[in-house]
Amino acid sequence: MALNAKKATAQQIAEGLALLEKANIRKEKIASGEIKGGMSWADMSDEQKNKRREYSRRRNAKQAIIVQKALAKGITVTDQEVADYMASSTD
């Protein structure tokens, strides 16, 4: 979106500068590894969206198969094991 600085109100300019500052802070956080970067869903092409959907479907199918196999073998997870994992996980 282009903005004519001569016709912009002070509020519009301030809002634009605030958005730029927010974007710069986000870029710095991504560069430092503080947060993960990535493309937003709205910015993806149809091909990229379809690829992401297929990846998610495959991942979900794998997880479902692992759960079915574990249950068939009698493998279960206790609440304490979940709590311990969550406490030690960095994700």
PDB file of N, CA and C in Angstrom:
ATOM      1  N   MET A   1       0.843  -1.178   0.000  1.00  0.00           N
ATOM      2  CA  MET A   1       0.000   0.000   0.000  1.00  0.00           C
ATOM      3  C   MET A   1       0.883   1.233   0.000  1.00  0.00           C
ATOM      4  N   ALA A   2       0.679   2.079  -0.951  1.00  0.00           N
ATOM      5  CA  ALA A   2       1.444   3.322  -1.037  1.00  0.00           C
ATOM      6  C   ALA A   2       0.688   4.421  -0.308  1.00  0.00           C
ATOM      7  N   LEU A   3       1.446   5.278   0.312  1.00  0.00           N
ATOM      8  CA  LEU A   3       0.845   6.362   1.076  1.00  0.00           C
ATOM      9  C   LEU A   3       1.485   7.666   0.633  1.00  0.00           C
ATOM     10  N   ASN A   4       0.659   8.619   0.289  1.00  0.00           N
ATOM     11  CA  ASN A   4       1.156   9.929  -0.082  1.00  0.00           C
ATOM     12  C   ASN A   4       1.392  10.709   1.205  1.00  0.00           C
ATOM     13  N   ALA A   5       2.649  10.969   1.527  1.00  0.00           N
ATOM     14  CA  ALA A   5       2.996  11.626   2.789  1.00  0.00           C
ATOM     15  C   ALA A   5       2.411  13.029   2.875  1.00  0.00           C
ATOM     16  N   LYS A   6       2.194  13.671   1.761  1.00  0.00           N
ATOM     17  CA  LYS A   6       1.650  15.025   1.788  1.00  0.00           C
ATOM     18  C   LYS A   6       0.164  15.032   2.135  1.00  0.00           C
ATOM     19  N   LYS A   7      -0.534  13.934   1.819  1.00  0.00           N
ATOM     20  CA  LYS A   7      -1.966  13.860   2.090  1.00  0.00           C
ATOM     21  C   LYS A   7      -2.285  13.063   3.352  1.00  0.00           C
ATOM     22  N   ALA A   8      -1.300  12.419   3.949  1.00  0.00           N
ATOM     23  CA  ALA A   8      -1.521  11.571   5.115  1.00  0.00           C
ATOM     24  C   ALA A   8      -1.708  12.430   6.363  1.00  0.00           C
ATOM     25  N   THR A   9      -2.568  11.951   7.233  1.00  0.00           N
ATOM     26  CA  THR A   9      -2.750  12.635   8.504  1.00  0.00           C
ATOM     27  C   THR A   9      -1.637  12.223   9.453  1.00  0.00           C
ATOM     28  N   ALA A  10      -1.474  12.971  10.496  1.00  0.00           N
ATOM     29  CA  ALA A  10      -0.458  12.640  11.498  1.00  0.00           C
ATOM     30  C   ALA A  10      -0.739  11.261  12.106  1.00  0.00           C
ATOM     31  N   GLN A  11      -1.997  10.937  12.287  1.00  0.00           N
ATOM     32  CA  GLN A  11      -2.364   9.639  12.846  1.00  0.00           C
ATOM     33  C   GLN A  11      -1.989   8.507  11.895  1.00  0.00           C
ATOM     34  N   GLN A  12      -2.232   8.685  10.611  1.00  0.00           N
ATOM     35  CA  GLN A  12      -1.876   7.659   9.632  1.00  0.00           C
ATOM     36  C   GLN A  12      -0.372   7.442   9.589  1.00  0.00           C
ATOM     37  N   ILE A  13       0.375   8.523   9.659  1.00  0.00           N
ATOM     38  CA  ILE A  13       1.834   8.409   9.656  1.00  0.00           C
ATOM     39  C   ILE A  13       2.302   7.694  10.920  1.00  0.00           C
ATOM     40  N   ALA A  14       1.728   8.052  12.054  1.00  0.00           N
ATOM     41  CA  ALA A  14       2.101   7.408  13.313  1.00  0.00           C
ATOM     42  C   ALA A  14       1.772   5.917  13.283  1.00  0.00           C
ATOM     43  N   GLU A  15       0.611   5.553  12.742  1.00  0.00           N
ATOM     44  CA  GLU A  15       0.222   4.145  12.634  1.00  0.00           C
ATOM     45  C   GLU A  15       1.177   3.398  11.711  1.00  0.00           C
ATOM     46  N   GLY A  16       1.550   4.040  10.613  1.00  0.00           N
ATOM     47  CA  GLY A  16       2.484   3.416   9.678  1.00  0.00           C
ATOM     48  C   GLY A  16       3.845   3.188  10.315  1.00  0.00           C
ATOM     49  N   LEU A  17       4.326   4.168  11.048  1.00  0.00           N
ATOM     50  CA  LEU A  17       5.617   4.024  11.734  1.00  0.00           C
ATOM     51  C   LEU A  17       5.556   2.937  12.802  1.00  0.00           C
ATOM     52  N   ALA A  18       4.422   2.851  13.500  1.00  0.00           N
ATOM     53  CA  ALA A  18       4.261   1.804  14.515  1.00  0.00           C
ATOM     54  C   ALA A  18       4.297   0.424  13.875  1.00  0.00           C
ATOM     55  N   LEU A  19       3.663   0.273  12.710  1.00  0.00           N
ATOM     56  CA  LEU A  19       3.687  -1.015  12.011  1.00  0.00           C
ATOM     57  C   LEU A  19       5.092  -1.369  11.541  1.00  0.00           C
ATOM     58  N   LEU A  20       5.819  -0.370  11.055  1.00  0.00           N
ATOM     59  CA  LEU A  20       7.196  -0.608  10.630  1.00  0.00           C
ATOM     60  C   LEU A  20       8.065  -1.032  11.817  1.00  0.00           C
ATOM     61  N   GLU A  21       7.889  -0.372  12.936  1.00  0.00           N
ATOM     62  CA  GLU A  21       8.655  -0.717  14.131  1.00  0.00           C
ATOM     63  C   GLU A  21       8.338  -2.145  14.580  1.00  0.00           C
ATOM     64  N   LYS A  22       7.057  -2.498  14.547  1.00  0.00           N
ATOM     65  CA  LYS A  22       6.652  -3.851  14.925  1.00  0.00           C
ATOM     66  C   LYS A  22       7.289  -4.883  13.987  1.00  0.00           C
ATOM     67  N   ALA A  23       7.298  -4.593  12.697  1.00  0.00           N
ATOM     68  CA  ALA A  23       7.901  -5.509  11.724  1.00  0.00           C
ATOM     69  C   ALA A  23       9.398  -5.640  11.960  1.00  0.00           C
ATOM     70  N   ASN A  24      10.055  -4.529  12.269  1.00  0.00           N
ATOM     71  CA  ASN A  24      11.493  -4.571  12.528  1.00  0.00           C
ATOM     72  C   ASN A  24      11.819  -5.371  13.785  1.00  0.00           C
ATOM     73  N   ILE A  25      11.023  -5.207  14.820  1.00  0.00           N
ATOM     74  CA  ILE A  25      11.237  -5.970  16.056  1.00  0.00           C
ATOM     75  C   ILE A  25      11.063  -7.458  15.775  1.00  0.00           C
ATOM     76  N   ARG A  26      10.043  -7.807  14.993  1.00  0.00           N
ATOM     77  CA  ARG A  26       9.808  -9.218  14.642  1.00  0.00           C
ATOM     78  C   ARG A  26      10.989  -9.777  13.855  1.00  0.00           C
ATOM     79  N   LYS A  27      11.497  -9.028  12.892  1.00  0.00           N
ATOM     80  CA  LYS A  27      12.646  -9.485  12.110  1.00  0.00           C
ATOM     81  C   LYS A  27      13.859  -9.723  13.005  1.00  0.00           C
ATOM     82  N   GLU A  28      14.077  -8.831  13.963  1.00  0.00           N
ATOM     83  CA  GLU A  28      15.196  -8.987  14.894  1.00  0.00           C
ATOM     84  C   GLU A  28      15.021 -10.249  15.746  1.00  0.00           C
ATOM     85  N   LYS A  29      13.808 -10.490  16.215  1.00  0.00           N
ATOM     86  CA  LYS A  29      13.550 -11.679  17.029  1.00  0.00           C
ATOM     87  C   LYS A  29      13.744 -12.953  16.220  1.00  0.00           C
ATOM     88  N   ILE A  30      13.344 -12.936  14.968  1.00  0.00           N
ATOM     89  CA  ILE A  30      13.538 -14.101  14.098  1.00  0.00           C
ATOM     90  C   ILE A  30      15.024 -14.322  13.878  1.00  0.00           C
ATOM     91  N   ALA A  31      15.755 -13.239  13.596  1.00  0.00           N
ATOM     92  CA  ALA A  31      17.195 -13.349  13.347  1.00  0.00           C
ATOM     93  C   ALA A  31      17.946 -13.857  14.567  1.00  0.00           C
ATOM     94  N   SER A  32      17.501 -13.463  15.756  1.00  0.00           N
ATOM     95  CA  SER A  32      18.184 -13.887  16.984  1.00  0.00           C
ATOM     96  C   SER A  32      17.751 -15.285  17.431  1.00  0.00           C
ATOM     97  N   GLY A  33      16.714 -15.832  16.796  1.00  0.00           N
ATOM     98  CA  GLY A  33      16.227 -17.157  17.167  1.00  0.00           C
ATOM     99  C   GLY A  33      15.233 -17.132  18.308  1.00  0.00           C
ATOM    100  N   GLU A  34      14.845 -15.951  18.753  1.00  0.00           N
ATOM    101  CA  GLU A  34      13.892 -15.839  19.856  1.00  0.00           C
ATOM    102  C   GLU A  34      12.519 -16.381  19.466  1.00  0.00           C
ATOM    103  N   ILE A  35      12.142 -16.138  18.221  1.00  0.00           N
ATOM    104  CA  ILE A  35      10.896 -16.695  17.696  1.00  0.00           C
ATOM    105  C   ILE A  35      11.184 -17.314  16.339  1.00  0.00           C
ATOM    106  N   LYS A  36      10.308 -18.200  15.924  1.00  0.00           N
ATOM    107  CA  LYS A  36      10.456 -18.820  14.615  1.00  0.00           C
ATOM    108  C   LYS A  36       9.799 -17.937  13.572  1.00  0.00           C
ATOM    109  N   GLY A  37      10.465 -17.820  12.464  1.00  0.00           N
ATOM    110  CA  GLY A  37       9.888 -17.063  11.364  1.00  0.00           C
ATOM    111  C   GLY A  37       9.118 -17.992  10.452  1.00  0.00           C
ATOM    112  N   GLY A  38       8.459 -17.472   9.549  1.00  0.00           N
ATOM    113  CA  GLY A  38       7.739 -18.291   8.594  1.00  0.00           C
ATOM    114  C   GLY A  38       6.757 -17.443   7.826  1.00  0.00           C
ATOM    115  N   MET A  39       6.262 -18.030   6.809  1.00  0.00           N
ATOM    116  CA  MET A  39       5.327 -17.323   5.963  1.00  0.00           C
ATOM    117  C   MET A  39       3.927 -17.495   6.532  1.00  0.00           C
ATOM    118  N   SER A  40       3.177 -16.430   6.563  1.00  0.00           N
ATOM    119  CA  SER A  40       1.807 -16.538   7.039  1.00  0.00           C
ATOM    120  C   SER A  40       0.957 -17.240   5.983  1.00  0.00           C
ATOM    121  N   TRP A  41      -0.124 -17.835   6.426  1.00  0.00           N
ATOM    122  CA  TRP A  41      -1.015 -18.567   5.532  1.00  0.00           C
ATOM    123  C   TRP A  41      -1.508 -17.661   4.405  1.00  0.00           C
ATOM    124  N   ALA A  42      -1.815 -16.414   4.727  1.00  0.00           N
ATOM    125  CA  ALA A  42      -2.340 -15.484   3.731  1.00  0.00           C
ATOM    126  C   ALA A  42      -1.307 -15.163   2.651  1.00  0.00           C
ATOM    127  N   ASP A  43      -0.021 -15.253   3.001  1.00  0.00           N
ATOM    128  CA  ASP A  43       1.028 -14.925   2.044  1.00  0.00           C
ATOM    129  C   ASP A  43       1.441 -16.115   1.178  1.00  0.00           C
ATOM    130  N   MET A  44       0.970 -17.312   1.491  1.00  0.00           N
ATOM    131  CA  MET A  44       1.354 -18.508   0.745  1.00  0.00           C
ATOM    132  C   MET A  44       0.591 -18.603  -0.572  1.00  0.00           C
ATOM    133  N   SER A  45       1.254 -19.176  -1.564  1.00  0.00           N
ATOM    134  CA  SER A  45       0.578 -19.458  -2.835  1.00  0.00           C
ATOM    135  C   SER A  45      -0.297 -20.703  -2.636  1.00  0.00           C
ATOM    136  N   ASP A  46      -1.174 -20.948  -3.586  1.00  0.00           N
ATOM    137  CA  ASP A  46      -2.026 -22.143  -3.502  1.00  0.00           C
ATOM    138  C   ASP A  46      -1.180 -23.409  -3.464  1.00  0.00           C
ATOM    139  N   GLU A  47      -0.094 -23.421  -4.232  1.00  0.00           N
ATOM    140  CA  GLU A  47       0.790 -24.585  -4.251  1.00  0.00           C
ATOM    141  C   GLU A  47       1.428 -24.806  -2.871  1.00  0.00           C
ATOM    142  N   GLN A  48       1.876 -23.728  -2.231  1.00  0.00           N
ATOM    143  CA  GLN A  48       2.484 -23.838  -0.907  1.00  0.00           C
ATOM    144  C   GLN A  48       1.464 -24.304   0.130  1.00  0.00           C
ATOM    145  N   LYS A  49       0.231 -23.796   0.020  1.00  0.00           N
ATOM    146  CA  LYS A  49      -0.826 -24.211   0.947  1.00  0.00           C
ATOM    147  C   LYS A  49      -1.131 -25.698   0.782  1.00  0.00           C
ATOM    148  N   ASN A  50      -1.219 -26.152  -0.472  1.00  0.00           N
ATOM    149  CA  ASN A  50      -1.499 -27.568  -0.722  1.00  0.00           C
ATOM    150  C   ASN A  50      -0.372 -28.450  -0.207  1.00  0.00           C
ATOM    151  N   LYS A  51       0.862 -27.999  -0.374  1.00  0.00           N
ATOM    152  CA  LYS A  51       2.009 -28.754   0.126  1.00  0.00           C
ATOM    153  C   LYS A  51       1.948 -28.851   1.653  1.00  0.00           C
ATOM    154  N   ARG A  52       1.594 -27.758   2.320  1.00  0.00           N
ATOM    155  CA  ARG A  52       1.488 -27.739   3.779  1.00  0.00           C
ATOM    156  C   ARG A  52       0.357 -28.650   4.246  1.00  0.00           C
ATOM    157  N   ARG A  53      -0.765 -28.612   3.536  1.00  0.00           N
ATOM    158  CA  ARG A  53      -1.896 -29.482   3.886  1.00  0.00           C
ATOM    159  C   ARG A  53      -1.501 -30.957   3.771  1.00  0.00           C
ATOM    160  N   GLU A  54      -0.813 -31.299   2.683  1.00  0.00           N
ATOM    161  CA  GLU A  54      -0.385 -32.685   2.476  1.00  0.00           C
ATOM    162  C   GLU A  54       0.586 -33.110   3.572  1.00  0.00           C
ATOM    163  N   TYR A  55       1.521 -32.241   3.934  1.00  0.00           N
ATOM    164  CA  TYR A  55       2.456 -32.541   5.022  1.00  0.00           C
ATOM    165  C   TYR A  55       1.686 -32.809   6.320  1.00  0.00           C
ATOM    166  N   SER A  56       0.696 -31.977   6.614  1.00  0.00           N
ATOM    167  CA  SER A  56      -0.092 -32.137   7.840  1.00  0.00           C
ATOM    168  C   SER A  56      -0.900 -33.434   7.819  1.00  0.00           C
ATOM    169  N   ARG A  57      -1.492 -33.746   6.668  1.00  0.00           N
ATOM    170  CA  ARG A  57      -2.264 -34.999   6.567  1.00  0.00           C
ATOM    171  C   ARG A  57      -1.369 -36.214   6.794  1.00  0.00           C
ATOM    172  N   ARG A  58      -0.173 -36.202   6.201  1.00  0.00           N
ATOM    173  CA  ARG A  58       0.763 -37.322   6.365  1.00  0.00           C
ATOM    174  C   ARG A  58       1.223 -37.433   7.821  1.00  0.00           C
ATOM    175  N   ARG A  59       1.545 -36.300   8.445  1.00  0.00           N
ATOM    176  CA  ARG A  59       1.983 -36.294   9.837  1.00  0.00           C
ATOM    177  C   ARG A  59       0.873 -36.830  10.744  1.00  0.00           C
ATOM    178  N   ASN A  60      -0.348 -36.385  10.521  1.00  0.00           N
ATOM    179  CA  ASN A  60      -1.472 -36.854  11.337  1.00  0.00           C
ATOM    180  C   ASN A  60      -1.720 -38.343  11.129  1.00  0.00           C
ATOM    181  N   ALA A  61      -1.593 -38.807   9.891  1.00  0.00           N
ATOM    182  CA  ALA A  61      -1.781 -40.235   9.623  1.00  0.00           C
ATOM    183  C   ALA A  61      -0.714 -41.060  10.327  1.00  0.00           C
ATOM    184  N   LYS A  62       0.550 -40.610  10.273  1.00  0.00           N
ATOM    185  CA  LYS A  62       1.632 -41.319  10.969  1.00  0.00           C
ATOM    186  C   LYS A  62       1.362 -41.397  12.456  1.00  0.00           C
ATOM    187  N   GLN A  63       0.938 -40.292  13.037  1.00  0.00           N
ATOM    188  CA  GLN A  63       0.660 -40.274  14.467  1.00  0.00           C
ATOM    189  C   GLN A  63      -0.479 -41.222  14.819  1.00  0.00           C
ATOM    190  N   ALA A  64      -1.513 -41.262  13.988  1.00  0.00           N
ATOM    191  CA  ALA A  64      -2.640 -42.153  14.238  1.00  0.00           C
ATOM    192  C   ALA A  64      -2.201 -43.612  14.171  1.00  0.00           C
ATOM    193  N   ILE A  65      -1.343 -43.943  13.213  1.00  0.00           N
ATOM    194  CA  ILE A  65      -0.847 -45.323  13.078  1.00  0.00           C
ATOM    195  C   ILE A  65       0.005 -45.697  14.287  1.00  0.00           C
ATOM    196  N   ILE A  66       0.855 -44.782  14.731  1.00  0.00           N
ATOM    197  CA  ILE A  66       1.695 -45.047  15.910  1.00  0.00           C
ATOM    198  C   ILE A  66       0.821 -45.293  17.138  1.00  0.00           C
ATOM    199  N   VAL A  67      -0.214 -44.500  17.309  1.00  0.00           N
ATOM    200  CA  VAL A  67      -1.116 -44.675  18.450  1.00  0.00           C
ATOM    201  C   VAL A  67      -1.813 -46.028  18.364  1.00  0.00           C
ATOM    202  N   GLN A  68      -2.305 -46.393  17.184  1.00  0.00           N
ATOM    203  CA  GLN A  68      -2.980 -47.684  17.019  1.00  0.00           C
ATOM    204  C   GLN A  68      -2.043 -48.840  17.356  1.00  0.00           C
ATOM    205  N   LYS A  69      -0.808 -48.764  16.874  1.00  0.00           N
ATOM    206  CA  LYS A  69       0.161 -49.832  17.146  1.00  0.00           C
ATOM    207  C   LYS A  69       0.512 -49.899  18.631  1.00  0.00           C
ATOM    208  N   ALA A  70       0.672 -48.743  19.239  1.00  0.00           N
ATOM    209  CA  ALA A  70       1.001 -48.713  20.672  1.00  0.00           C
ATOM    210  C   ALA A  70      -0.134 -49.306  21.495  1.00  0.00           C
ATOM    211  N   LEU A  71      -1.352 -48.937  21.192  1.00  0.00           N
ATOM    212  CA  LEU A  71      -2.499 -49.471  21.928  1.00  0.00           C
ATOM    213  C   LEU A  71      -2.635 -50.982  21.719  1.00  0.00           C
ATOM    214  N   ALA A  72      -2.366 -51.436  20.496  1.00  0.00           N
ATOM    215  CA  ALA A  72      -2.439 -52.871  20.208  1.00  0.00           C
ATOM    216  C   ALA A  72      -1.412 -53.649  21.019  1.00  0.00           C
ATOM    217  N   LYS A  73      -0.281 -53.020  21.307  1.00  0.00           N
ATOM    218  CA  LYS A  73       0.774 -53.669  22.099  1.00  0.00           C
ATOM    219  C   LYS A  73       0.603 -53.425  23.593  1.00  0.00           C
ATOM    220  N   GLY A  74      -0.424 -52.657  23.968  1.00  0.00           N
ATOM    221  CA  GLY A  74      -0.669 -52.397  25.386  1.00  0.00           C
ATOM    222  C   GLY A  74       0.189 -51.285  25.956  1.00  0.00           C
ATOM    223  N   ILE A  75       0.758 -50.458  25.107  1.00  0.00           N
ATOM    224  CA  ILE A  75       1.596 -49.352  25.570  1.00  0.00           C
ATOM    225  C   ILE A  75       0.699 -48.168  25.887  1.00  0.00           C
ATOM    226  N   THR A  76       0.829 -47.655  27.090  1.00  0.00           N
ATOM    227  CA  THR A  76       0.071 -46.482  27.508  1.00  0.00           C
ATOM    228  C   THR A  76       1.021 -45.456  28.109  1.00  0.00           C
ATOM    229  N   VAL A  77       0.523 -44.263  28.286  1.00  0.00           N
ATOM    230  CA  VAL A  77       1.305 -43.176  28.858  1.00  0.00           C
ATOM    231  C   VAL A  77       0.544 -42.643  30.059  1.00  0.00           C
ATOM    232  N   THR A  78       1.252 -42.488  31.168  1.00  0.00           N
ATOM    233  CA  THR A  78       0.612 -41.966  32.378  1.00  0.00           C
ATOM    234  C   THR A  78       0.607 -40.445  32.350  1.00  0.00           C
ATOM    235  N   ASP A  79      -0.252 -39.872  33.190  1.00  0.00           N
ATOM    236  CA  ASP A  79      -0.294 -38.416  33.310  1.00  0.00           C
ATOM    237  C   ASP A  79       1.037 -37.875  33.810  1.00  0.00           C
ATOM    238  N   GLN A  80       1.695 -38.626  34.687  1.00  0.00           N
ATOM    239  CA  GLN A  80       2.985 -38.190  35.212  1.00  0.00           C
ATOM    240  C   GLN A  80       4.050 -38.169  34.118  1.00  0.00           C
ATOM    241  N   GLU A  81       4.025 -39.143  33.231  1.00  0.00           N
ATOM    242  CA  GLU A  81       4.972 -39.156  32.114  1.00  0.00           C
ATOM    243  C   GLU A  81       4.755 -37.948  31.199  1.00  0.00           C
ATOM    244  N   VAL A  82       3.513 -37.611  30.973  1.00  0.00           N
ATOM    245  CA  VAL A  82       3.194 -36.440  30.156  1.00  0.00           C
ATOM    246  C   VAL A  82       3.699 -35.171  30.843  1.00  0.00           C
ATOM    247  N   ALA A  83       3.432 -35.051  32.130  1.00  0.00           N
ATOM    248  CA  ALA A  83       3.878 -33.870  32.880  1.00  0.00           C
ATOM    249  C   ALA A  83       5.398 -33.769  32.877  1.00  0.00           C
ATOM    250  N   ASP A  84       6.088 -34.880  33.067  1.00  0.00           N
ATOM    251  CA  ASP A  84       7.550 -34.879  33.062  1.00  0.00           C
ATOM    252  C   ASP A  84       8.095 -34.454  31.698  1.00  0.00           C
ATOM    253  N   TYR A  85       7.485 -34.977  30.644  1.00  0.00           N
ATOM    254  CA  TYR A  85       7.927 -34.623  29.290  1.00  0.00           C
ATOM    255  C   TYR A  85       7.708 -33.143  29.026  1.00  0.00           C
ATOM    256  N   MET A  86       6.532 -32.650  29.404  1.00  0.00           N
ATOM    257  CA  MET A  86       6.219 -31.236  29.163  1.00  0.00           C
ATOM    258  C   MET A  86       7.157 -30.329  29.949  1.00  0.00           C
ATOM    259  N   ALA A  87       7.531 -30.745  31.138  1.00  0.00           N
ATOM    260  CA  ALA A  87       8.448 -29.943  31.953  1.00  0.00           C
ATOM    261  C   ALA A  87       9.840 -29.889  31.356  1.00  0.00           C
ATOM    262  N   SER A  88      10.250 -30.970  30.690  1.00  0.00           N
ATOM    263  CA  SER A  88      11.601 -31.016  30.138  1.00  0.00           C
ATOM    264  C   SER A  88      11.680 -30.576  28.686  1.00  0.00           C
ATOM    265  N   SER A  89      10.548 -30.464  28.012  1.00  0.00           N
ATOM    266  CA  SER A  89      10.516 -30.118  26.596  1.00  0.00           C
ATOM    267  C   SER A  89      10.757 -28.634  26.397  1.00  0.00           C
ATOM    268  N   THR A  90      11.510 -28.302  25.351  1.00  0.00           N
ATOM    269  CA  THR A  90      11.768 -26.895  25.025  1.00  0.00           C
ATOM    270  C   THR A  90      10.901 -26.409  23.884  1.00  0.00           C
ATOM    271  N   ASP A  91      10.090 -27.267  23.286  1.00  0.00           N
ATOM    272  CA  ASP A  91       9.210 -26.849  22.174  1.00  0.00           C
ATOM    273  C   ASP A  91       8.025 -26.093  22.680  1.00  0.00           C
TER     274      ASP A  91
END
